[in-house]
Amino acid sequence: MPRRQKTAAQQHRDAVAAYVAAGGEESVQRVITAVYGVTKKLDQWYARQLADLDLTQGEWAVVAALAKAGEECLTPSQLAELTSVAPSSMTHRLDKMTERGLVQRRPDADNRTRTLVSLTPDGWELFTQSIRESDVVESDVLRGLSATERRELARLLEDVITHLDDVEA
């Protein structure tokens, strides 16, 4: 008889119990393990979504970085830094994305040795389509929380994020 896979809640409880048994503080382990579990599940869904959109995670990182930059164009070096890849890898990635019509490159009018990258209308459409689709799943993930609880959770996590740079890992 095949073994039944544990639910996400069971996996969470087991992980917390193991970390506490090893000396971890329970409230810390409950939070960190929960954040990790949610992130892991969302990452699995995002990977499937990107495959459906015929995008790699690296290409998505470029699309998202350019979308977050808004009207500001970014250089390939800036994109490489923002997405944690080597500049040579970024050049190859941008070549592929340009061929697909997702990004455009043009010389910087103020510095002809520099190239500026921006999303094309198709790149913007892909970004907005992806965000709309992911918002459905993300809303489902938070379905068990009221609007007030979602705001409180967001506030608490934002407080944690505010102090991340103070932690030496």
C-alpha atoms as a PDB file:
ATOM      1  CA  MET A   1       0.000   0.000   0.000  1.00  0.00           C
ATOM      2  CA  PRO A   2       1.497   3.392  -0.974  1.00  0.00           C
ATOM      3  CA  ARG A   3       2.424   5.695   1.858  1.00  0.00           C
ATOM      4  CA  ARG A   4       0.212   8.778   2.139  1.00  0.00           C
ATOM      5  CA  GLN A   5       2.037  12.049   1.757  1.00  0.00           C
ATOM      6  CA  LYS A   6       1.859  14.314   4.789  1.00  0.00           C
ATOM      7  CA  THR A   7      -0.149  17.506   4.575  1.00  0.00           C
ATOM      8  CA  ALA A   8       1.644  20.841   4.678  1.00  0.00           C
ATOM      9  CA  ALA A   9       0.374  21.319   8.250  1.00  0.00           C
ATOM     10  CA  GLN A  10       1.746  17.928   9.318  1.00  0.00           C
ATOM     11  CA  GLN A  11       5.098  18.658   7.673  1.00  0.00           C
ATOM     12  CA  HIS A  12       5.196  21.992   9.501  1.00  0.00           C
ATOM     13  CA  ARG A  13       4.421  20.443  12.896  1.00  0.00           C
ATOM     14  CA  ASP A  14       7.033  17.708  12.376  1.00  0.00           C
ATOM     15  CA  ALA A  15       9.706  20.204  11.332  1.00  0.00           C
ATOM     16  CA  VAL A  16       9.003  22.484  14.305  1.00  0.00           C
ATOM     17  CA  ALA A  17       9.105  19.516  16.678  1.00  0.00           C
ATOM     18  CA  ALA A  18      12.470  18.400  15.248  1.00  0.00           C
ATOM     19  CA  TYR A  19      13.984  21.876  15.527  1.00  0.00           C
ATOM     20  CA  VAL A  20      12.675  22.357  19.069  1.00  0.00           C
ATOM     21  CA  ALA A  21      13.987  18.915  20.074  1.00  0.00           C
ATOM     22  CA  ALA A  22      17.400  20.023  18.767  1.00  0.00           C
ATOM     23  CA  GLY A  23      17.302  23.128  20.975  1.00  0.00           C
ATOM     24  CA  GLY A  24      15.468  25.679  18.841  1.00  0.00           C
ATOM     25  CA  GLU A  25      13.069  28.122  20.501  1.00  0.00           C
ATOM     26  CA  GLU A  26       9.510  27.064  19.623  1.00  0.00           C
ATOM     27  CA  SER A  27       8.003  30.450  18.729  1.00  0.00           C
ATOM     28  CA  VAL A  28      10.964  31.247  16.470  1.00  0.00           C
ATOM     29  CA  GLN A  29      10.824  27.842  14.795  1.00  0.00           C
ATOM     30  CA  ARG A  30       7.070  28.083  14.252  1.00  0.00           C
ATOM     31  CA  VAL A  31       7.458  31.399  12.425  1.00  0.00           C
ATOM     32  CA  ILE A  32      10.574  30.585  10.391  1.00  0.00           C
ATOM     33  CA  THR A  33       9.333  27.117   9.428  1.00  0.00           C
ATOM     34  CA  ALA A  34       5.945  28.546   8.405  1.00  0.00           C
ATOM     35  CA  VAL A  35       7.535  31.284   6.274  1.00  0.00           C
ATOM     36  CA  TYR A  36       9.803  28.690   4.653  1.00  0.00           C
ATOM     37  CA  GLY A  37       6.881  26.313   4.014  1.00  0.00           C
ATOM     38  CA  VAL A  38       4.765  29.012   2.379  1.00  0.00           C
ATOM     39  CA  THR A  39       7.726  30.181   0.296  1.00  0.00           C
ATOM     40  CA  LYS A  40       8.505  26.637  -0.833  1.00  0.00           C
ATOM     41  CA  LYS A  41       4.915  25.976  -1.936  1.00  0.00           C
ATOM     42  CA  LEU A  42       4.657  29.317  -3.733  1.00  0.00           C
ATOM     43  CA  ASP A  43       8.011  28.733  -5.458  1.00  0.00           C
ATOM     44  CA  GLN A  44       6.717  25.396  -6.765  1.00  0.00           C
ATOM     45  CA  TRP A  45       3.626  27.091  -8.143  1.00  0.00           C
ATOM     46  CA  TYR A  46       5.633  29.978  -9.626  1.00  0.00           C
ATOM     47  CA  ALA A  47       7.960  27.497 -11.371  1.00  0.00           C
ATOM     48  CA  ARG A  48       4.942  25.828 -13.020  1.00  0.00           C
ATOM     49  CA  GLN A  49       3.498  29.217 -13.947  1.00  0.00           C
ATOM     50  CA  LEU A  50       6.784  30.328 -15.535  1.00  0.00           C
ATOM     51  CA  ALA A  51       6.964  27.088 -17.512  1.00  0.00           C
ATOM     52  CA  ASP A  52       3.429  27.735 -18.771  1.00  0.00           C
ATOM     53  CA  LEU A  53       4.557  31.231 -19.848  1.00  0.00           C
ATOM     54  CA  ASP A  54       7.683  29.739 -21.491  1.00  0.00           C
ATOM     55  CA  LEU A  55       9.966  31.749 -19.187  1.00  0.00           C
ATOM     56  CA  THR A  56      12.941  30.703 -17.136  1.00  0.00           C
ATOM     57  CA  GLN A  57      13.293  31.988 -13.591  1.00  0.00           C
ATOM     58  CA  GLY A  58      16.211  34.108 -14.800  1.00  0.00           C
ATOM     59  CA  GLU A  59      14.107  35.676 -17.534  1.00  0.00           C
ATOM     60  CA  TRP A  60      11.336  36.341 -15.043  1.00  0.00           C
ATOM     61  CA  ALA A  61      13.861  38.064 -12.765  1.00  0.00           C
ATOM     62  CA  VAL A  62      14.745  40.420 -15.646  1.00  0.00           C
ATOM     63  CA  VAL A  63      11.085  41.107 -16.489  1.00  0.00           C
ATOM     64  CA  ALA A  64      10.289  41.802 -12.823  1.00  0.00           C
ATOM     65  CA  ALA A  65      13.349  44.043 -12.335  1.00  0.00           C
ATOM     66  CA  LEU A  66      12.461  46.110 -15.400  1.00  0.00           C
ATOM     67  CA  ALA A  67       8.804  46.322 -14.353  1.00  0.00           C
ATOM     68  CA  LYS A  68       9.789  47.477 -10.863  1.00  0.00           C
ATOM     69  CA  ALA A  69      12.058  50.121 -12.431  1.00  0.00           C
ATOM     70  CA  GLY A  70       8.971  51.565 -14.129  1.00  0.00           C
ATOM     71  CA  GLU A  71       9.823  54.182 -16.732  1.00  0.00           C
ATOM     72  CA  GLU A  72      13.516  54.040 -15.838  1.00  0.00           C
ATOM     73  CA  CYS A  73      15.651  51.941 -18.157  1.00  0.00           C
ATOM     74  CA  LEU A  74      18.343  49.733 -16.654  1.00  0.00           C
ATOM     75  CA  THR A  75      21.746  48.756 -17.982  1.00  0.00           C
ATOM     76  CA  PRO A  76      22.708  45.119 -18.489  1.00  0.00           C
ATOM     77  CA  SER A  77      25.184  45.522 -15.596  1.00  0.00           C
ATOM     78  CA  GLN A  78      22.443  46.770 -13.298  1.00  0.00           C
ATOM     79  CA  LEU A  79      20.222  43.867 -14.329  1.00  0.00           C
ATOM     80  CA  ALA A  80      23.064  41.407 -13.735  1.00  0.00           C
ATOM     81  CA  GLU A  81      23.576  42.804 -10.248  1.00  0.00           C
ATOM     82  CA  LEU A  82      19.844  42.865  -9.429  1.00  0.00           C
ATOM     83  CA  THR A  83      19.388  39.269 -10.573  1.00  0.00           C
ATOM     84  CA  SER A  84      22.693  37.940  -9.198  1.00  0.00           C
ATOM     85  CA  VAL A  85      24.177  36.681 -12.462  1.00  0.00           C
ATOM     86  CA  ALA A  86      27.422  37.305 -14.307  1.00  0.00           C
ATOM     87  CA  PRO A  87      27.295  40.126 -16.878  1.00  0.00           C
ATOM     88  CA  SER A  88      28.123  37.643 -19.673  1.00  0.00           C
ATOM     89  CA  SER A  89      25.128  35.521 -18.674  1.00  0.00           C
ATOM     90  CA  MET A  90      22.951  38.630 -18.710  1.00  0.00           C
ATOM     91  CA  THR A  91      24.057  39.443 -22.255  1.00  0.00           C
ATOM     92  CA  HIS A  92      23.008  35.985 -23.431  1.00  0.00           C
ATOM     93  CA  ARG A  93      19.706  36.226 -21.537  1.00  0.00           C
ATOM     94  CA  LEU A  94      18.950  39.646 -23.023  1.00  0.00           C
ATOM     95  CA  ASP A  95      19.758  38.352 -26.532  1.00  0.00           C
ATOM     96  CA  LYS A  96      17.138  35.619 -26.129  1.00  0.00           C
ATOM     97  CA  MET A  97      14.585  37.988 -24.601  1.00  0.00           C
ATOM     98  CA  THR A  98      15.143  40.558 -27.366  1.00  0.00           C
ATOM     99  CA  GLU A  99      14.573  37.854 -30.006  1.00  0.00           C
ATOM    100  CA  ARG A 100      11.284  36.979 -28.277  1.00  0.00           C
ATOM    101  CA  GLY A 101      10.224  40.635 -28.258  1.00  0.00           C
ATOM    102  CA  LEU A 102      10.083  40.971 -24.452  1.00  0.00           C
ATOM    103  CA  VAL A 103      12.817  43.580 -24.017  1.00  0.00           C
ATOM    104  CA  GLN A 104      14.450  46.214 -26.146  1.00  0.00           C
ATOM    105  CA  ARG A 105      17.980  47.561 -25.989  1.00  0.00           C
ATOM    106  CA  ARG A 106      19.095  50.953 -27.178  1.00  0.00           C
ATOM    107  CA  PRO A 107      22.187  53.105 -26.802  1.00  0.00           C
ATOM    108  CA  ASP A 108      22.131  55.664 -23.987  1.00  0.00           C
ATOM    109  CA  ALA A 109      21.851  59.099 -25.582  1.00  0.00           C
ATOM    110  CA  ASP A 110      24.050  60.592 -22.829  1.00  0.00           C
ATOM    111  CA  ASN A 111      26.707  57.866 -22.979  1.00  0.00           C
ATOM    112  CA  ARG A 112      26.926  56.047 -26.309  1.00  0.00           C
ATOM    113  CA  THR A 113      29.065  53.272 -24.756  1.00  0.00           C
ATOM    114  CA  ARG A 114      26.206  52.276 -22.470  1.00  0.00           C
ATOM    115  CA  THR A 115      23.130  50.255 -23.410  1.00  0.00           C
ATOM    116  CA  LEU A 116      19.731  50.782 -21.840  1.00  0.00           C
ATOM    117  CA  VAL A 117      17.179  47.995 -21.492  1.00  0.00           C
ATOM    118  CA  SER A 118      13.423  48.296 -21.093  1.00  0.00           C
ATOM    119  CA  LEU A 119      10.350  46.129 -21.443  1.00  0.00           C
ATOM    120  CA  THR A 120       8.489  46.121 -24.733  1.00  0.00           C
ATOM    121  CA  PRO A 121       4.684  46.271 -24.775  1.00  0.00           C
ATOM    122  CA  ASP A 122       4.739  42.444 -25.061  1.00  0.00           C
ATOM    123  CA  GLY A 123       7.063  42.288 -22.035  1.00  0.00           C
ATOM    124  CA  TRP A 124       4.682  44.484 -20.054  1.00  0.00           C
ATOM    125  CA  GLU A 125       1.732  42.344 -21.100  1.00  0.00           C
ATOM    126  CA  LEU A 126       3.538  39.196 -19.989  1.00  0.00           C
ATOM    127  CA  PHE A 127       4.328  40.837 -16.636  1.00  0.00           C
ATOM    128  CA  THR A 128       0.746  41.956 -15.998  1.00  0.00           C
ATOM    129  CA  GLN A 129      -0.697  38.606 -17.123  1.00  0.00           C
ATOM    130  CA  SER A 130       1.650  36.769 -14.775  1.00  0.00           C
ATOM    131  CA  ILE A 131       0.831  39.034 -11.835  1.00  0.00           C
ATOM    132  CA  ARG A 132      -2.909  38.634 -12.380  1.00  0.00           C
ATOM    133  CA  GLU A 133      -2.574  34.837 -12.513  1.00  0.00           C
ATOM    134  CA  SER A 134      -0.322  34.657  -9.458  1.00  0.00           C
ATOM    135  CA  ASP A 135      -2.627  36.975  -7.508  1.00  0.00           C
ATOM    136  CA  VAL A 136      -5.357  34.347  -7.766  1.00  0.00           C
ATOM    137  CA  VAL A 137      -3.170  31.663  -6.153  1.00  0.00           C
ATOM    138  CA  GLU A 138      -1.712  34.072  -3.608  1.00  0.00           C
ATOM    139  CA  SER A 139      -5.233  35.110  -2.613  1.00  0.00           C
ATOM    140  CA  ASP A 140      -6.149  31.437  -2.244  1.00  0.00           C
ATOM    141  CA  VAL A 141      -3.135  30.923   0.031  1.00  0.00           C
ATOM    142  CA  LEU A 142      -4.396  33.715   2.293  1.00  0.00           C
ATOM    143  CA  ARG A 143      -8.080  32.759   1.980  1.00  0.00           C
ATOM    144  CA  GLY A 144      -8.279  31.572   5.606  1.00  0.00           C
ATOM    145  CA  LEU A 145      -7.377  35.036   6.909  1.00  0.00           C
ATOM    146  CA  SER A 146      -9.722  37.988   7.206  1.00  0.00           C
ATOM    147  CA  ALA A 147      -8.725  41.302   5.606  1.00  0.00           C
ATOM    148  CA  THR A 148      -7.722  42.567   9.060  1.00  0.00           C
ATOM    149  CA  GLU A 149      -5.576  39.477   9.696  1.00  0.00           C
ATOM    150  CA  ARG A 150      -3.894  39.854   6.284  1.00  0.00           C
ATOM    151  CA  ARG A 151      -3.060  43.481   7.061  1.00  0.00           C
ATOM    152  CA  GLU A 152      -1.671  42.484  10.472  1.00  0.00           C
ATOM    153  CA  LEU A 153       0.388  39.644   9.002  1.00  0.00           C
ATOM    154  CA  ALA A 154       1.735  42.003   6.328  1.00  0.00           C
ATOM    155  CA  ARG A 155       2.607  44.587   8.993  1.00  0.00           C
ATOM    156  CA  LEU A 156       4.412  42.010  11.143  1.00  0.00           C
ATOM    157  CA  LEU A 157       6.391  40.587   8.219  1.00  0.00           C
ATOM    158  CA  GLU A 158       7.273  44.104   7.046  1.00  0.00           C
ATOM    159  CA  ASP A 159       8.605  44.807  10.562  1.00  0.00           C
ATOM    160  CA  VAL A 160      10.792  41.701  10.240  1.00  0.00           C
ATOM    161  CA  ILE A 161      12.005  42.832   6.806  1.00  0.00           C
ATOM    162  CA  THR A 162      12.874  46.273   8.198  1.00  0.00           C
ATOM    163  CA  HIS A 163      15.407  44.663  10.520  1.00  0.00           C
ATOM    164  CA  LEU A 164      16.902  42.090   8.121  1.00  0.00           C
ATOM    165  CA  ASP A 165      19.885  44.307   7.316  1.00  0.00           C
ATOM    166  CA  ASP A 166      20.723  44.473  11.049  1.00  0.00           C
ATOM    167  CA  VAL A 167      21.207  40.688  11.255  1.00  0.00           C
ATOM    168  CA  GLU A 168      24.686  39.329  10.641  1.00  0.00           C
ATOM    169  CA  ALA A 169      24.348  35.832   9.253  1.00  0.00           C
END
